[in-house]
Amino acid sequence: MRRRGEESRFWWLVPTIYIILLLLPIYWLVNMSFKTNQEILGAFSLWPKNPT
């Protein structure tokens, strides 16, 4: 039998991952707006080196 805490954690993990996946395109859009064209077309980076 599972403990109640483990089951509760699982049911919080699923919506948390779903929300993160929903917010990823918004993050991508905002991140690209601060990058130069060379940074967008160059190597992958999570943060812009020289925000415009």
C-alpha atoms as a PDB file:
ATOM      1  CA  MET A   1       0.000   0.000   0.000  1.00  0.00           C
ATOM      2  CA  ARG A   2       1.099   3.511  -0.718  1.00  0.00           C
ATOM      3  CA  ARG A   3       1.357   6.142   1.873  1.00  0.00           C
ATOM      4  CA  ARG A   4      -0.902   9.134   1.525  1.00  0.00           C
ATOM      5  CA  GLY A   5       2.061  11.543   1.206  1.00  0.00           C
ATOM      6  CA  GLU A   6       3.568   9.714  -1.764  1.00  0.00           C
ATOM      7  CA  GLU A   7       0.247   9.694  -3.592  1.00  0.00           C
ATOM      8  CA  SER A   8      -0.275  13.384  -2.862  1.00  0.00           C
ATOM      9  CA  ARG A   9       3.195  14.212  -4.219  1.00  0.00           C
ATOM     10  CA  PHE A  10       2.436  12.413  -7.467  1.00  0.00           C
ATOM     11  CA  TRP A  11      -0.793  14.353  -7.995  1.00  0.00           C
ATOM     12  CA  TRP A  12       1.032  17.655  -7.437  1.00  0.00           C
ATOM     13  CA  LEU A  13       3.895  16.654  -9.731  1.00  0.00           C
ATOM     14  CA  VAL A  14       1.690  16.075 -12.790  1.00  0.00           C
ATOM     15  CA  PRO A  15       0.076  19.564 -12.878  1.00  0.00           C
ATOM     16  CA  THR A  16       3.410  21.191 -12.016  1.00  0.00           C
ATOM     17  CA  ILE A  17       5.116  19.596 -15.021  1.00  0.00           C
ATOM     18  CA  TYR A  18       2.131  20.500 -17.199  1.00  0.00           C
ATOM     19  CA  ILE A  19       2.280  24.167 -16.135  1.00  0.00           C
ATOM     20  CA  ILE A  20       6.030  24.301 -16.783  1.00  0.00           C
ATOM     21  CA  LEU A  21       5.470  22.928 -20.286  1.00  0.00           C
ATOM     22  CA  LEU A  22       2.745  25.513 -20.897  1.00  0.00           C
ATOM     23  CA  LEU A  23       5.000  28.377 -19.776  1.00  0.00           C
ATOM     24  CA  LEU A  24       7.985  27.258 -21.871  1.00  0.00           C
ATOM     25  CA  PRO A  25       6.826  28.984 -25.118  1.00  0.00           C
ATOM     26  CA  ILE A  26       6.238  32.246 -23.229  1.00  0.00           C
ATOM     27  CA  TYR A  27       9.745  32.067 -21.763  1.00  0.00           C
ATOM     28  CA  TRP A  28      11.129  31.312 -25.233  1.00  0.00           C
ATOM     29  CA  LEU A  29       9.336  34.329 -26.721  1.00  0.00           C
ATOM     30  CA  VAL A  30      10.564  36.732 -24.038  1.00  0.00           C
ATOM     31  CA  ASN A  31      14.085  35.308 -24.182  1.00  0.00           C
ATOM     32  CA  MET A  32      14.293  35.709 -27.971  1.00  0.00           C
ATOM     33  CA  SER A  33      13.112  39.308 -27.757  1.00  0.00           C
ATOM     34  CA  PHE A  34      16.252  40.207 -25.780  1.00  0.00           C
ATOM     35  CA  LYS A  35      18.717  38.398 -28.055  1.00  0.00           C
ATOM     36  CA  THR A  36      20.498  39.738 -31.097  1.00  0.00           C
ATOM     37  CA  ASN A  37      20.070  38.008 -34.464  1.00  0.00           C
ATOM     38  CA  GLN A  38      23.535  36.476 -34.154  1.00  0.00           C
ATOM     39  CA  GLU A  39      22.658  34.966 -30.774  1.00  0.00           C
ATOM     40  CA  ILE A  40      19.350  33.593 -32.078  1.00  0.00           C
ATOM     41  CA  LEU A  41      21.004  31.953 -35.082  1.00  0.00           C
ATOM     42  CA  GLY A  42      24.159  30.923 -33.194  1.00  0.00           C
ATOM     43  CA  ALA A  43      24.754  28.446 -30.414  1.00  0.00           C
ATOM     44  CA  PHE A  44      22.037  27.545 -27.924  1.00  0.00           C
ATOM     45  CA  SER A  45      21.977  29.551 -24.689  1.00  0.00           C
ATOM     46  CA  LEU A  46      19.346  29.934 -21.993  1.00  0.00           C
ATOM     47  CA  TRP A  47      20.148  33.599 -21.254  1.00  0.00           C
ATOM     48  CA  PRO A  48      21.062  36.416 -23.660  1.00  0.00           C
ATOM     49  CA  LYS A  49      24.711  37.490 -23.428  1.00  0.00           C
ATOM     50  CA  ASN A  50      24.142  41.073 -24.569  1.00  0.00           C
ATOM     51  CA  PRO A  51      20.503  42.093 -24.066  1.00  0.00           C
ATOM     52  CA  THR A  52      19.289  44.542 -26.684  1.00  0.00           C
END
